[in-house]
N, C-alpha and C. Protein backbone atom coordinates (compact mmCIF):
# COMPACT_ATOMS: atom_id res chain seq x y z
N MET A 1 85.00 129.28 120.89
CA MET A 1 86.41 129.02 120.75
C MET A 1 86.63 128.26 119.44
N ASN A 2 87.49 128.79 118.58
CA ASN A 2 87.71 128.12 117.31
C ASN A 2 88.64 126.92 117.48
N ALA A 3 88.76 126.12 116.42
CA ALA A 3 89.49 124.85 116.51
C ALA A 3 90.96 125.05 116.83
N GLU A 4 91.58 126.06 116.22
CA GLU A 4 93.01 126.27 116.45
C GLU A 4 93.29 126.64 117.90
N VAL A 5 92.50 127.51 118.47
CA VAL A 5 92.68 127.91 119.86
C VAL A 5 92.44 126.72 120.78
N TRP A 6 91.41 125.92 120.47
CA TRP A 6 91.11 124.76 121.30
C TRP A 6 92.25 123.76 121.28
N LEU A 7 92.80 123.48 120.07
CA LEU A 7 93.90 122.53 119.97
C LEU A 7 95.13 123.02 120.72
N MET A 8 95.40 124.30 120.63
CA MET A 8 96.57 124.83 121.32
C MET A 8 96.34 124.89 122.83
N ALA A 9 95.10 125.17 123.26
CA ALA A 9 94.81 125.27 124.69
C ALA A 9 94.88 123.91 125.37
N ASN A 10 94.51 122.86 124.66
CA ASN A 10 94.51 121.52 125.23
C ASN A 10 95.78 120.76 124.87
N SER A 11 96.85 121.46 124.67
CA SER A 11 98.11 120.87 124.27
C SER A 11 98.88 120.36 125.48
N ASP A 12 99.58 119.25 125.31
CA ASP A 12 100.45 118.73 126.36
C ASP A 12 101.87 119.23 126.20
N VAL A 13 102.18 119.83 125.06
CA VAL A 13 103.53 120.32 124.79
C VAL A 13 103.68 121.69 125.44
N ARG A 14 104.75 121.88 126.17
CA ARG A 14 104.90 123.12 126.92
C ARG A 14 105.94 124.06 126.31
N TYR A 15 107.09 123.54 125.91
CA TYR A 15 108.18 124.42 125.53
C TYR A 15 108.54 124.24 124.06
N GLY A 16 108.75 125.34 123.37
CA GLY A 16 109.22 125.29 122.00
C GLY A 16 108.12 125.51 120.99
N ALA A 17 108.26 126.58 120.23
CA ALA A 17 107.24 126.91 119.23
C ALA A 17 107.19 125.87 118.12
N GLU A 18 108.34 125.35 117.72
CA GLU A 18 108.36 124.37 116.63
C GLU A 18 107.65 123.08 117.05
N ILE A 19 107.86 122.64 118.26
CA ILE A 19 107.22 121.41 118.73
C ILE A 19 105.72 121.61 118.85
N ARG A 20 105.28 122.75 119.35
CA ARG A 20 103.85 123.04 119.43
C ARG A 20 103.23 123.09 118.04
N SER A 21 103.97 123.64 117.09
CA SER A 21 103.49 123.71 115.71
C SER A 21 103.33 122.31 115.12
N ARG A 22 104.29 121.44 115.37
CA ARG A 22 104.20 120.06 114.88
C ARG A 22 103.01 119.34 115.48
N GLU A 23 102.83 119.52 116.79
CA GLU A 23 101.72 118.86 117.45
C GLU A 23 100.38 119.35 116.90
N TYR A 24 100.28 120.64 116.63
CA TYR A 24 99.05 121.19 116.05
C TYR A 24 98.75 120.54 114.70
N LYS A 25 99.77 120.39 113.86
CA LYS A 25 99.58 119.78 112.54
C LYS A 25 99.15 118.32 112.66
N VAL A 26 99.77 117.59 113.59
CA VAL A 26 99.42 116.18 113.78
C VAL A 26 97.99 116.04 114.28
N ARG A 27 97.60 116.85 115.25
CA ARG A 27 96.22 116.78 115.76
C ARG A 27 95.21 117.15 114.69
N ALA A 28 95.55 118.12 113.86
CA ALA A 28 94.65 118.51 112.78
C ALA A 28 94.48 117.37 111.78
N GLN A 29 95.57 116.67 111.43
CA GLN A 29 95.49 115.52 110.52
C GLN A 29 94.66 114.41 111.14
N LYS A 30 94.87 114.16 112.42
CA LYS A 30 94.20 113.07 113.12
C LYS A 30 92.69 113.28 113.18
N ASN A 31 92.25 114.51 113.34
CA ASN A 31 90.83 114.80 113.54
C ASN A 31 90.09 115.15 112.26
N THR A 32 90.74 115.09 111.11
CA THR A 32 90.14 115.43 109.83
C THR A 32 89.38 114.24 109.26
N SER A 33 88.32 114.48 108.52
CA SER A 33 87.61 113.43 107.78
C SER A 33 88.29 113.25 106.43
N TYR A 34 88.41 112.00 106.00
CA TYR A 34 89.05 111.67 104.73
C TYR A 34 88.03 110.99 103.82
N PRO A 35 88.23 111.04 102.49
CA PRO A 35 87.30 110.37 101.58
C PRO A 35 87.45 108.85 101.66
N CYS A 36 86.34 108.16 101.62
CA CYS A 36 86.32 106.71 101.70
C CYS A 36 86.66 106.11 100.33
N PRO A 37 87.61 105.17 100.26
CA PRO A 37 87.92 104.53 98.98
C PRO A 37 86.78 103.67 98.45
N LYS A 38 85.89 103.18 99.31
CA LYS A 38 84.79 102.32 98.87
C LYS A 38 83.58 103.11 98.38
N CYS A 39 83.06 104.00 99.24
CA CYS A 39 81.82 104.69 98.87
C CYS A 39 82.05 106.10 98.33
N GLY A 40 83.24 106.65 98.55
CA GLY A 40 83.56 107.96 98.00
C GLY A 40 83.16 109.14 98.86
N LYS A 41 82.42 108.90 99.95
CA LYS A 41 82.00 110.00 100.82
C LYS A 41 83.15 110.38 101.76
N GLU A 42 83.14 111.62 102.18
CA GLU A 42 84.19 112.10 103.08
C GLU A 42 83.78 111.83 104.52
N LYS A 43 83.80 110.54 104.90
CA LYS A 43 83.30 110.12 106.20
C LYS A 43 84.28 109.23 106.96
N VAL A 44 85.50 109.08 106.49
CA VAL A 44 86.47 108.21 107.18
C VAL A 44 87.08 108.98 108.33
N ARG A 45 86.95 108.42 109.53
CA ARG A 45 87.50 109.04 110.75
C ARG A 45 88.38 108.03 111.47
N ARG A 46 89.28 108.52 112.28
CA ARG A 46 90.18 107.67 113.05
C ARG A 46 89.41 107.02 114.19
N LYS A 47 89.52 105.69 114.28
CA LYS A 47 88.85 104.94 115.33
C LYS A 47 89.81 104.68 116.49
N SER A 48 91.00 104.21 116.18
CA SER A 48 92.05 104.01 117.17
C SER A 48 93.37 104.11 116.42
N ASN A 49 94.45 103.74 117.07
CA ASN A 49 95.77 103.89 116.46
C ASN A 49 95.85 103.08 115.16
N SER A 50 96.00 103.76 114.05
CA SER A 50 96.14 103.19 112.70
C SER A 50 94.88 102.50 112.18
N ILE A 51 93.76 102.62 112.86
CA ILE A 51 92.50 102.03 112.42
C ILE A 51 91.56 103.17 112.04
N TRP A 52 91.07 103.12 110.81
CA TRP A 52 90.19 104.16 110.27
C TRP A 52 88.90 103.52 109.82
N LYS A 53 87.75 104.16 110.12
CA LYS A 53 86.45 103.58 109.81
C LYS A 53 85.58 104.61 109.10
N CYS A 54 84.89 104.16 108.06
CA CYS A 54 83.95 105.01 107.35
C CYS A 54 82.64 105.02 108.12
N ARG A 55 82.13 106.20 108.40
CA ARG A 55 80.87 106.32 109.14
C ARG A 55 79.65 106.11 108.25
N SER A 56 79.86 106.04 106.95
CA SER A 56 78.75 105.86 106.03
C SER A 56 78.55 104.38 105.69
N CYS A 57 79.61 103.72 105.20
CA CYS A 57 79.47 102.32 104.77
C CYS A 57 80.08 101.33 105.77
N SER A 58 80.61 101.81 106.89
CA SER A 58 81.18 100.99 107.96
C SER A 58 82.38 100.17 107.53
N ALA A 59 83.05 100.56 106.46
CA ALA A 59 84.27 99.87 106.05
C ALA A 59 85.40 100.28 106.99
N VAL A 60 86.28 99.33 107.31
CA VAL A 60 87.40 99.57 108.21
C VAL A 60 88.69 99.44 107.42
N PHE A 61 89.61 100.39 107.63
CA PHE A 61 90.87 100.42 106.90
C PHE A 61 92.03 100.52 107.87
N ALA A 62 93.18 100.01 107.46
CA ALA A 62 94.42 100.21 108.20
C ALA A 62 95.19 101.31 107.48
N GLY A 63 95.68 102.26 108.23
CA GLY A 63 96.40 103.37 107.62
C GLY A 63 97.51 103.84 108.52
N GLY A 64 97.82 105.10 108.44
CA GLY A 64 98.84 105.67 109.30
C GLY A 64 98.29 105.96 110.68
N ALA A 65 99.19 106.23 111.61
CA ALA A 65 98.77 106.50 112.98
C ALA A 65 98.00 107.81 113.08
N TYR A 66 98.41 108.82 112.33
CA TYR A 66 97.77 110.13 112.45
C TYR A 66 97.13 110.62 111.16
N SER A 67 97.39 109.96 110.04
CA SER A 67 96.75 110.33 108.78
C SER A 67 96.30 109.05 108.07
N PHE A 68 95.30 109.17 107.23
CA PHE A 68 94.68 108.01 106.60
C PHE A 68 95.66 107.24 105.72
N SER A 69 96.50 107.95 104.99
CA SER A 69 97.49 107.28 104.14
C SER A 69 98.87 107.88 104.41
N THR A 70 99.88 107.04 104.31
CA THR A 70 101.26 107.48 104.52
C THR A 70 101.99 107.47 103.18
N PRO A 71 103.08 108.23 103.07
CA PRO A 71 103.86 108.19 101.82
C PRO A 71 104.35 106.78 101.48
N THR A 72 104.76 106.02 102.48
CA THR A 72 105.22 104.65 102.25
C THR A 72 104.07 103.77 101.77
N GLY A 73 102.90 103.96 102.33
CA GLY A 73 101.73 103.19 101.91
C GLY A 73 101.33 103.49 100.47
N VAL A 74 101.46 104.74 100.06
CA VAL A 74 101.14 105.13 98.67
C VAL A 74 102.09 104.44 97.71
N VAL A 75 103.39 104.42 98.04
CA VAL A 75 104.39 103.77 97.19
C VAL A 75 104.13 102.26 97.12
N ALA A 76 103.83 101.64 98.26
CA ALA A 76 103.56 100.20 98.28
C ALA A 76 102.32 99.86 97.46
N LYS A 77 101.28 100.68 97.56
CA LYS A 77 100.05 100.42 96.80
C LYS A 77 100.32 100.52 95.30
N ARG A 78 101.13 101.51 94.91
CA ARG A 78 101.48 101.66 93.50
C ARG A 78 102.30 100.46 93.02
N ALA A 79 103.25 99.99 93.83
CA ALA A 79 104.09 98.86 93.46
C ALA A 79 103.27 97.59 93.30
N VAL A 80 102.32 97.36 94.21
CA VAL A 80 101.46 96.19 94.12
C VAL A 80 100.59 96.27 92.88
N GLY A 81 100.09 97.44 92.55
CA GLY A 81 99.28 97.61 91.34
C GLY A 81 100.07 97.35 90.07
N GLU A 82 101.32 97.84 90.04
CA GLU A 82 102.16 97.60 88.87
C GLU A 82 102.53 96.14 88.75
N TYR A 83 102.78 95.48 89.87
CA TYR A 83 103.13 94.07 89.84
C TYR A 83 101.95 93.23 89.38
N GLY A 84 100.75 93.63 89.76
CA GLY A 84 99.55 92.89 89.36
C GLY A 84 99.24 93.01 87.88
N ARG A 85 99.71 94.08 87.24
CA ARG A 85 99.44 94.28 85.80
C ARG A 85 100.35 93.43 84.92
N ARG A 86 101.42 92.90 85.49
CA ARG A 86 102.38 92.12 84.68
C ARG A 86 101.86 90.75 84.35
């Protein structure tokens, strides 16, 4: 059974193609490995709600609930970096 079929089969959403589609995208983001900002390896996985841990260097990060970085977090990081350069 491939990943897409498994995610759709184990879905809690019953009615509405758009809602099922959204849930599939969220689950796919949640279960994906992301690159680690410290060691650079693609080993960061979701540990719990908004907690992400690198399986290689054991670094722990706070991020989004379903994805490692959020658009708001990217803007905040950029603003802090620009403020620090002044």
